[in-house]
Protein backbone atom coordinates (compact mmCIF):
# COMPACT_ATOMS: atom_id res chain seq x y z
CA UNK A 1 -136.97 -43.72 -133.63
CA UNK A 2 -133.22 -42.25 -133.96
CA UNK A 3 -131.80 -45.24 -132.89
CA UNK A 4 -133.88 -47.15 -135.57
CA UNK A 5 -132.53 -44.48 -137.55
CA UNK A 6 -129.42 -44.83 -136.80
CA UNK A 7 -128.80 -48.57 -136.50
CA UNK A 8 -130.48 -48.73 -139.97
CA UNK A 9 -127.62 -46.46 -141.59
CA UNK A 10 -124.85 -48.73 -139.99
CA UNK A 11 -126.37 -51.39 -141.49
CA UNK A 12 -126.16 -50.34 -144.72
CA UNK A 13 -122.40 -48.50 -144.38
CA UNK A 14 -121.65 -51.91 -143.62
CA UNK A 15 -123.34 -53.62 -146.35
CA UNK A 16 -121.12 -50.99 -149.06
CA UNK A 17 -118.74 -52.10 -147.56
CA UNK A 18 -119.17 -55.85 -147.89
CA UNK A 19 -120.42 -54.88 -151.39
CA UNK A 20 -117.16 -52.77 -151.85
CA UNK A 21 -114.57 -55.08 -150.32
CA UNK A 22 -115.33 -58.29 -153.00
CA UNK A 23 -115.56 -56.68 -156.08
CA UNK A 24 -112.24 -55.26 -155.74
CA UNK A 25 -109.36 -56.22 -156.83
CA UNK A 26 -107.50 -58.91 -154.82
CA UNK A 27 -103.75 -58.10 -154.16
CA UNK A 28 -101.40 -59.85 -156.48
CA UNK A 29 -99.05 -62.76 -155.27
CA UNK A 30 -95.23 -60.98 -155.53
CA UNK A 31 -92.75 -62.77 -157.06
CA UNK A 32 -91.71 -66.09 -155.95
CA UNK A 33 -88.12 -64.89 -156.42
CA UNK A 34 -88.60 -62.56 -153.08
CA UNK A 35 -89.93 -64.43 -151.25
CA UNK A 36 -87.59 -67.60 -151.21
CA UNK A 37 -84.25 -67.14 -148.73
CA UNK A 38 -81.55 -68.43 -151.26
CA UNK A 39 -81.09 -71.19 -154.08
CA UNK A 40 -78.80 -72.22 -156.47
CA UNK A 41 -77.59 -70.99 -159.52
CA UNK A 42 -76.40 -72.22 -162.83
CA UNK A 43 -73.92 -70.35 -163.45
CA UNK A 44 -72.19 -70.38 -167.31
CA UNK A 45 -68.86 -68.22 -165.74
CA UNK A 46 -66.34 -68.81 -163.01
CA UNK A 47 -65.59 -67.13 -160.13
CA UNK A 48 -63.05 -65.39 -161.30
CA UNK A 49 -66.12 -64.21 -163.89
CA UNK A 50 -64.54 -65.68 -167.04
CA UNK A 51 -66.88 -67.43 -169.12
CA UNK A 52 -67.08 -71.21 -169.42
CA UNK A 53 -66.86 -73.15 -172.74
CA UNK A 54 -69.63 -75.40 -173.93
CA UNK A 55 -67.17 -78.98 -172.83
CA UNK A 56 -66.96 -77.00 -169.33
CA UNK A 57 -70.66 -77.04 -169.40
CA UNK A 58 -70.99 -80.49 -170.57
CA UNK A 59 -67.78 -81.49 -167.95
CA UNK A 60 -71.06 -80.55 -165.58
CA UNK A 61 -73.67 -82.04 -166.65
CA UNK A 62 -71.90 -85.31 -167.06
CA UNK A 63 -73.68 -86.83 -169.80
CA UNK A 64 -77.41 -85.82 -170.25
CA UNK A 65 -76.08 -83.21 -172.54
CA UNK A 66 -77.80 -82.97 -176.54
CA UNK A 67 -76.16 -80.33 -178.68
CA UNK A 68 -74.68 -78.28 -176.10
CA UNK A 69 -71.49 -79.02 -177.85
CA UNK A 70 -72.68 -77.88 -181.53
CA UNK A 71 -75.58 -75.75 -180.57
CA UNK A 72 -74.37 -73.73 -177.28
CA UNK A 73 -71.41 -71.20 -176.97
CA UNK A 74 -71.65 -68.61 -173.64
CA UNK A 75 -72.18 -65.05 -174.53
CA UNK A 76 -71.26 -61.71 -172.52
CA UNK A 77 -74.69 -60.18 -171.76
CA UNK A 78 -74.37 -57.08 -169.87
CA UNK A 79 -77.67 -56.67 -169.69
CA UNK A 80 -79.19 -59.95 -167.98
CA UNK A 81 -78.11 -60.40 -164.27
CA UNK A 82 -74.29 -62.32 -163.71
CA UNK A 83 -73.02 -61.03 -166.51
CA UNK A 84 -73.21 -63.23 -169.44
CA UNK A 85 -76.47 -66.02 -171.70
CA UNK A 86 -76.32 -68.99 -173.17
CA UNK A 87 -76.75 -68.90 -177.16
CA UNK A 88 -78.69 -71.51 -178.38
CA UNK A 89 -78.36 -72.74 -182.16
CA UNK A 90 -81.30 -73.74 -183.75
CA UNK A 91 -81.19 -75.19 -186.81
CA UNK A 92 -83.45 -76.52 -190.40
CA UNK A 93 -83.52 -79.90 -190.62
CA UNK A 94 -81.00 -81.96 -193.51
CA UNK A 95 -83.19 -84.34 -194.21
CA UNK A 96 -82.39 -86.08 -190.84
CA UNK A 97 -84.89 -85.10 -188.73
CA UNK A 98 -84.25 -88.00 -186.69
CA UNK A 99 -80.89 -86.47 -185.15
CA UNK A 100 -81.80 -84.64 -182.82
CA UNK A 101 -78.17 -83.10 -182.10
CA UNK A 102 -78.59 -80.83 -184.71
CA UNK A 103 -80.88 -77.79 -183.77
CA UNK A 104 -81.39 -76.86 -180.50
CA UNK A 105 -79.94 -78.37 -176.79
CA UNK A 106 -81.50 -80.77 -174.08
CA UNK A 107 -79.78 -80.97 -170.36
CA UNK A 108 -80.42 -82.44 -167.41
CA UNK A 109 -79.20 -80.14 -164.04
CA UNK A 110 -79.55 -82.11 -161.07
CA UNK A 111 -79.03 -79.69 -157.73
CA UNK A 112 -79.61 -82.69 -154.51
CA UNK A 113 -81.75 -80.68 -152.66
CA UNK A 114 -84.41 -79.68 -155.21
CA UNK A 115 -85.82 -83.63 -154.06
CA UNK A 116 -85.77 -81.97 -150.59
CA UNK A 117 -88.07 -79.10 -151.51
CA UNK A 118 -91.77 -78.87 -151.31
CA UNK A 119 -92.31 -75.61 -153.44
CA UNK A 120 -89.84 -74.59 -156.06
CA UNK A 121 -89.33 -71.05 -158.02
CA UNK A 122 -87.03 -71.72 -161.53
CA UNK A 123 -86.38 -68.03 -162.68
CA UNK A 124 -84.87 -66.56 -166.28
CA UNK A 125 -84.70 -64.62 -168.98
CA UNK A 126 -85.26 -65.53 -173.04
CA UNK A 127 -84.52 -63.34 -175.62
CA UNK A 128 -84.96 -63.90 -179.15
CA UNK A 129 -83.92 -61.76 -182.53
CA UNK A 130 -85.64 -59.71 -185.30
CA UNK A 131 -87.25 -62.30 -187.35
CA UNK A 132 -86.39 -65.71 -185.75
CA UNK A 133 -88.84 -67.95 -186.54
CA UNK A 134 -91.35 -69.11 -184.03
CA UNK A 135 -92.54 -72.37 -186.25
CA UNK A 136 -95.44 -74.55 -184.32
CA UNK A 137 -93.84 -74.08 -181.03
CA UNK A 138 -90.54 -74.49 -179.14
CA UNK A 139 -89.73 -75.08 -174.97
CA UNK A 140 -87.66 -74.16 -172.71
CA UNK A 141 -86.43 -74.69 -168.96
CA UNK A 142 -88.75 -76.30 -166.87
CA UNK A 143 -88.99 -78.91 -163.45
CA UNK A 144 -89.52 -82.52 -163.75
CA UNK A 145 -89.86 -85.22 -161.16
CA UNK A 146 -88.16 -88.08 -163.09
CA UNK A 147 -84.82 -87.52 -164.35
CA UNK A 148 -84.30 -90.60 -166.18
CA UNK A 149 -87.90 -90.60 -167.83
CA UNK A 150 -87.78 -87.89 -169.70
CA UNK A 151 -88.02 -88.30 -173.31
CA UNK A 152 -85.80 -85.74 -174.34
CA UNK A 153 -83.23 -87.28 -172.04
CA UNK A 154 -79.99 -89.18 -173.16
CA UNK A 155 -80.81 -93.02 -173.05
CA UNK A 156 -79.63 -94.82 -170.27
CA UNK A 157 -78.09 -91.01 -168.23
CA UNK A 158 -78.21 -91.05 -164.99
CA UNK A 159 -78.64 -87.99 -163.25
CA UNK A 160 -75.58 -85.95 -162.09
CA UNK A 161 -75.09 -84.62 -158.99
CA UNK A 162 -74.46 -80.82 -158.81
CA UNK A 163 -70.92 -80.20 -157.86
CA UNK A 164 -71.99 -76.95 -155.98
CA UNK A 165 -75.06 -78.05 -154.13
CA UNK A 166 -74.87 -79.91 -150.99
CA UNK A 167 -78.32 -81.67 -149.34
CA UNK A 168 -79.13 -85.78 -149.15
CA UNK A 169 -79.41 -88.45 -151.81
CA UNK A 170 -82.61 -88.12 -153.92
CA UNK A 171 -85.32 -91.11 -153.43
CA UNK A 172 -85.36 -93.74 -155.79
CA UNK A 173 -88.85 -93.51 -158.76
CA UNK A 174 -89.24 -96.76 -159.18
CA UNK A 175 -91.96 -96.50 -161.62
CA UNK A 176 -93.97 -93.78 -160.36
CA UNK A 177 -95.61 -91.52 -163.15
CA UNK A 178 -93.96 -88.45 -163.51
CA UNK A 179 -95.12 -85.02 -163.23
CA UNK A 180 -93.30 -81.85 -164.33
CA UNK A 181 -94.34 -78.18 -165.47
CA UNK A 182 -92.20 -76.49 -168.65
CA UNK A 183 -92.76 -73.29 -170.25
CA UNK A 184 -93.12 -73.34 -173.86
CA UNK A 185 -94.18 -70.39 -176.39
CA UNK A 186 -96.58 -71.27 -179.40
CA UNK A 187 -96.90 -70.61 -182.77
CA UNK A 188 -98.22 -66.58 -182.33
CA UNK A 189 -95.54 -66.18 -179.90
CA UNK A 190 -97.69 -66.60 -177.16
CA UNK A 191 -95.96 -68.53 -174.08
CA UNK A 192 -98.16 -70.86 -172.04
CA UNK A 193 -97.24 -73.67 -169.40
CA UNK A 194 -97.34 -77.23 -170.02
CA UNK A 195 -98.07 -79.33 -167.17
CA UNK A 196 -98.26 -83.10 -166.65
CA UNK A 197 -100.14 -84.71 -163.49
CA UNK A 198 -100.61 -87.70 -161.85
CA UNK A 199 -104.25 -86.62 -160.19
CA UNK A 200 -107.02 -85.47 -162.10
CA UNK A 201 -106.96 -84.06 -165.59
CA UNK A 202 -104.90 -81.14 -166.81
CA UNK A 203 -104.29 -79.31 -170.20
CA UNK A 204 -101.38 -76.84 -171.03
CA UNK A 205 -101.97 -73.66 -169.34
CA UNK A 206 -102.83 -70.89 -171.57
CA UNK A 207 -101.57 -67.09 -170.91
CA UNK A 208 -103.59 -64.08 -172.68
CA UNK A 209 -101.19 -62.92 -175.12
CA UNK A 210 -100.97 -58.93 -174.27
CA UNK A 211 -99.95 -60.10 -171.04
CA UNK A 212 -97.02 -63.16 -172.24
CA UNK A 213 -95.19 -62.63 -175.93
CA UNK A 214 -92.24 -63.31 -176.82
CA UNK A 215 -90.71 -60.10 -178.01
CA UNK A 216 -87.94 -60.06 -180.47
CA UNK A 217 -85.52 -57.85 -179.75
CA UNK A 218 -86.50 -58.00 -175.99
CA UNK A 219 -86.01 -59.95 -172.93
CA UNK A 220 -88.41 -61.88 -171.18
CA UNK A 221 -88.29 -62.51 -167.34
CA UNK A 222 -89.73 -65.94 -166.92
CA UNK A 223 -90.79 -67.59 -163.79
CA UNK A 224 -92.14 -70.30 -162.42
CA UNK A 225 -93.11 -71.58 -158.58
CA UNK A 226 -94.59 -74.72 -158.10
CA UNK A 227 -95.89 -75.57 -154.54
CA UNK A 228 -96.25 -79.40 -154.24
CA UNK A 229 -99.81 -80.95 -153.06
CA UNK A 230 -100.04 -83.68 -150.00
CA UNK A 231 -99.70 -86.87 -151.83
CA UNK A 232 -102.98 -88.31 -153.05
CA UNK A 233 -104.44 -84.30 -152.75
CA UNK A 234 -105.50 -81.40 -154.89
CA UNK A 235 -104.10 -79.11 -153.25
CA UNK A 236 -101.35 -77.98 -155.02
CA UNK A 237 -100.70 -74.65 -156.77
CA UNK A 238 -98.71 -73.04 -159.53
CA UNK A 239 -98.02 -69.93 -160.46
CA UNK A 240 -96.18 -67.93 -163.27
CA UNK A 241 -94.64 -64.01 -163.90
CA UNK A 242 -93.78 -62.79 -166.94
CA UNK A 243 -91.63 -59.42 -166.40
CA UNK A 244 -92.59 -59.47 -163.25
CA UNK A 245 -96.43 -59.20 -163.97
CA UNK A 246 -98.40 -62.84 -162.41
CA UNK A 247 -99.98 -64.54 -165.53
CA UNK A 248 -101.15 -67.63 -164.14
CA UNK A 249 -102.31 -68.76 -160.66
CA UNK A 250 -103.85 -72.55 -160.06
CA UNK A 251 -105.02 -74.24 -157.26
CA UNK A 252 -105.78 -77.54 -156.37
CA UNK A 253 -103.26 -79.00 -158.67
CA UNK A 254 -102.35 -83.21 -157.72
CA UNK A 255 -98.87 -83.36 -159.51
CA UNK A 256 -97.83 -86.79 -157.21
CA UNK A 257 -99.72 -89.67 -155.75
CA UNK A 258 -97.17 -90.66 -153.45
CA UNK A 259 -94.40 -88.90 -150.85
CA UNK A 260 -91.63 -90.63 -152.01
CA UNK A 261 -92.21 -88.00 -155.54
CA UNK A 262 -90.81 -84.60 -155.63
CA UNK A 263 -88.64 -82.99 -158.02
CA UNK A 264 -85.65 -84.31 -159.09
CA UNK A 265 -84.47 -81.90 -162.12
CA UNK A 266 -84.21 -79.08 -164.30
CA UNK A 267 -84.46 -79.76 -167.64
CA UNK A 268 -82.73 -77.53 -170.00
CA UNK A 269 -84.76 -78.32 -173.57
CA UNK A 270 -84.80 -75.39 -175.56
CA UNK A 271 -85.82 -75.97 -179.22
CA UNK A 272 -88.58 -75.91 -181.35
CA UNK A 273 -91.63 -78.91 -181.24
CA UNK A 274 -94.45 -80.14 -183.16
CA UNK A 275 -97.05 -82.09 -181.43
CA UNK A 276 -95.25 -81.84 -178.25
CA UNK A 277 -91.09 -83.24 -179.46
CA UNK A 278 -88.22 -81.80 -180.91
CA UNK A 279 -88.52 -80.35 -184.42
CA UNK A 280 -85.47 -79.12 -186.61
CA UNK A 281 -86.22 -74.79 -186.84
CA UNK A 282 -88.13 -73.91 -189.69
CA UNK A 283 -85.35 -71.97 -190.55
CA UNK A 284 -82.03 -70.68 -188.86
CA UNK A 285 -82.26 -68.77 -185.98
CA UNK A 286 -81.30 -68.72 -182.45
CA UNK A 287 -81.91 -67.47 -178.81
CA UNK A 288 -80.53 -66.23 -175.77
CA UNK A 289 -81.14 -67.35 -171.98
CA UNK A 290 -80.09 -66.20 -169.08
CA UNK A 291 -78.68 -68.51 -166.63
CA UNK A 292 -80.85 -70.36 -164.11
CA UNK A 293 -82.40 -69.51 -161.31
CA UNK A 294 -83.69 -72.09 -158.35
CA UNK A 295 -84.80 -70.55 -155.75
CA UNK A 296 -86.20 -73.87 -153.00
CA UNK A 297 -88.27 -73.93 -149.52
């Protein structure tokens, strides 16, 4: 009898522990910048710590930029890593809304080793001033698979080689459909992710505004991680952190169909959007963004 009572007690204890374990919060996945070694920096300064001019940046990008000289400048900023930020001017329309060089910037940064990676971690911080006009939303730097095929890239511009990168030549993509992942802000200031995938249906990934909203006068650190899927399978992943807090963790994503596809570039589009495309700012304003940090596996 004592043996049966003891056995029943052990069984009950085991059940209680199993129930407790099932309801216990899972440990949060650490920031990808802590799990990736090395990386590539899109720096705003020379080795001697002098800031680059917009013309210097333009020369590095080999003609893939839009609005960089007119709408951007590098400013000293001691509150972000590496001591400098890129300040982007966002201008109102003058009635020529097709002239995309009037407001914001766009460029393609193509580190060669990106094409060889199976996963990527992109980090940067964004700052908006008091009174910033959000408009209908806007876009921030993200990852793309086809530098030639992106809507905001200059027509006919060839992807440049990163002068500070090393690695093999990028594969020729032909007419494979591109995929991408771009952070965006919404009309209420909340952040979201805009993925484009090859397999299945996946819309915008909304983030709880309580966890991820651009706050005037403050820097917001945005970090996104993409793990590419096995070609043809839905086994890719994406994660995002805002100010160190995990805000998105999604699995079973089919970014690519073919093994020749990989991320090819970081697209540095920073401007307002309307219906998914470029738009002028609702008022003269500006924002700042820290140097882009890319880590790969």
